[in-house]
Amino acid sequence: MKGRIEIESLEAGVKDFKAAWKAGAAGQPVTPRQGTYFTSLEAARKVLTPKRLELLRAIRRNRPASVSQLAQLVGRDFKNVYGDVQTLAQCGLVSLTARRTGRRTTVPRVPFSVLEFRIAV
């Protein structure tokens, strides 16, 4: 499965939102957009840092049972890894599942094998 990241101007995003709002208000079906959207390449670069890309790869390849295990796999501090995973989850690039196995753990997963990058021109 492919994940999609798009760079789109704020104006284009607002235009798409208005069109969807009007369609919904008129009772027409609205197809949700799939993917993660940024308004600039700089904004995408702030989220997709080398360390976060490393986390995406480690989650996909190793399927860690917790964020703590992920931190051990990549040799980083738990607090920093946890923050990065939360950021990736907020952008829709990581899914998080809470589990209880003696104590509460959060299991990270990457729901795609490839990220496709699209930039509107």
Protein backbone atom coordinates (compact mmCIF):
# COMPACT_ATOMS: atom_id res chain seq x y z
CA MET A 1 0.00 0.00 0.00
CA LYS A 2 1.18 3.52 -0.81
CA GLY A 3 1.06 6.48 1.53
CA ARG A 4 0.72 9.86 -0.10
CA ILE A 5 2.20 13.21 0.88
CA GLU A 6 1.14 16.28 -1.07
CA ILE A 7 2.37 19.83 -1.13
CA GLU A 8 -0.53 22.14 -1.91
CA SER A 9 -0.98 25.86 -1.41
CA LEU A 10 -3.24 27.05 1.37
CA GLU A 11 -5.46 28.70 -1.23
CA ALA A 12 -5.94 25.40 -3.08
CA GLY A 13 -6.72 23.63 0.19
CA VAL A 14 -9.33 26.25 1.11
CA LYS A 15 -10.85 25.98 -2.38
CA ASP A 16 -11.13 22.17 -2.04
CA PHE A 17 -12.66 22.57 1.42
CA LYS A 18 -15.28 25.02 0.15
CA ALA A 19 -16.21 22.70 -2.71
CA ALA A 20 -16.58 19.76 -0.31
CA TRP A 21 -18.64 21.89 2.09
CA LYS A 22 -21.00 22.99 -0.68
CA ALA A 23 -21.39 19.43 -1.94
CA GLY A 24 -22.15 18.17 1.57
CA ALA A 25 -24.64 20.97 2.19
CA ALA A 26 -26.39 20.09 -1.08
CA GLY A 27 -26.68 16.47 0.03
CA GLN A 28 -24.15 15.21 -2.47
CA PRO A 29 -21.64 12.57 -1.41
CA VAL A 30 -18.19 13.87 -0.49
CA THR A 31 -15.23 11.59 -1.01
CA PRO A 32 -12.61 12.10 1.72
CA ARG A 33 -9.11 12.86 0.49
CA GLN A 34 -6.47 10.34 1.39
CA GLY A 35 -2.97 11.38 2.35
CA THR A 36 -1.01 13.92 4.32
CA TYR A 37 -1.02 17.50 3.09
CA PHE A 38 1.46 20.32 3.67
CA THR A 39 1.32 23.90 2.43
CA SER A 40 5.03 24.04 1.57
CA LEU A 41 8.06 21.85 1.08
CA GLU A 42 9.61 23.53 4.14
CA ALA A 43 6.65 22.44 6.30
CA ALA A 44 7.01 18.86 5.05
CA ARG A 45 10.76 18.92 5.76
CA LYS A 46 10.11 20.01 9.35
CA VAL A 47 8.00 16.91 9.93
CA LEU A 48 9.92 14.43 7.76
CA THR A 49 13.31 14.79 9.41
CA PRO A 50 15.97 12.11 8.88
CA LYS A 51 15.37 10.74 12.39
CA ARG A 52 11.61 10.49 11.82
CA LEU A 53 12.14 8.77 8.48
CA GLU A 54 14.42 6.35 10.32
CA LEU A 55 11.56 5.68 12.76
CA LEU A 56 9.13 5.01 9.91
CA ARG A 57 11.54 2.47 8.42
CA ALA A 58 12.25 0.83 11.78
CA ILE A 59 8.52 0.50 12.55
CA ARG A 60 7.79 -0.95 9.12
CA ARG A 61 10.69 -3.43 9.14
CA ASN A 62 10.76 -4.50 12.79
CA ARG A 63 7.12 -4.12 13.90
CA PRO A 64 8.05 -3.19 17.49
CA ALA A 65 5.64 -4.14 20.26
CA SER A 66 5.89 -0.68 21.85
CA VAL A 67 7.39 2.78 21.49
CA SER A 68 9.87 1.77 24.18
CA GLN A 69 11.05 -1.16 22.07
CA LEU A 70 11.26 1.15 19.05
CA ALA A 71 13.52 3.52 21.03
CA GLN A 72 15.79 0.59 21.88
CA LEU A 73 15.86 -0.54 18.24
CA VAL A 74 17.04 2.85 16.99
CA GLY A 75 19.27 3.59 20.00
CA ARG A 76 17.51 6.82 20.98
CA ASP A 77 16.03 8.25 24.15
CA PHE A 78 12.41 7.14 24.78
CA LYS A 79 11.12 10.68 25.35
CA ASN A 80 12.44 11.92 21.99
CA VAL A 81 11.19 8.86 20.11
CA TYR A 82 7.78 9.15 21.77
CA GLY A 83 7.51 12.81 20.70
CA ASP A 84 8.53 11.98 17.13
CA VAL A 85 6.04 9.10 16.95
CA GLN A 86 3.27 11.39 18.22
CA THR A 87 4.11 13.95 15.53
CA LEU A 88 4.07 11.26 12.83
CA ALA A 89 0.75 9.96 14.15
CA GLN A 90 -0.80 13.45 14.08
CA CYS A 91 0.17 13.67 10.41
CA GLY A 92 -1.37 10.28 9.66
CA LEU A 93 1.95 8.60 8.91
CA VAL A 94 1.85 6.24 11.92
CA SER A 95 -1.09 4.51 13.54
CA LEU A 96 -1.00 3.97 17.31
CA THR A 97 -2.84 1.23 19.20
CA ALA A 98 -3.04 1.17 22.98
CA ARG A 99 -2.62 -2.27 24.56
CA ARG A 100 -2.53 -3.56 28.09
CA THR A 101 -0.09 -6.36 28.80
CA GLY A 102 0.56 -5.85 32.48
CA ARG A 103 1.08 -2.16 31.81
CA ARG A 104 -0.22 0.16 29.14
CA THR A 105 1.81 0.16 25.95
CA THR A 106 1.42 1.97 22.66
CA VAL A 107 2.06 -0.08 19.54
CA PRO A 108 3.18 1.95 16.49
CA ARG A 109 2.49 0.77 12.94
CA VAL A 110 3.19 2.24 9.51
CA PRO A 111 0.21 1.38 7.29
CA PHE A 112 2.09 1.60 3.99
CA SER A 113 5.28 0.35 2.38
CA VAL A 114 5.99 3.35 0.13
CA LEU A 115 5.52 7.10 0.51
CA GLU A 116 4.58 8.88 -2.68
CA PHE A 117 5.42 12.59 -2.74
CA ARG A 118 3.36 14.94 -4.94
CA ILE A 119 3.99 18.62 -5.42
CA ALA A 120 1.43 20.80 -7.16
CA VAL A 121 2.93 23.26 -9.62
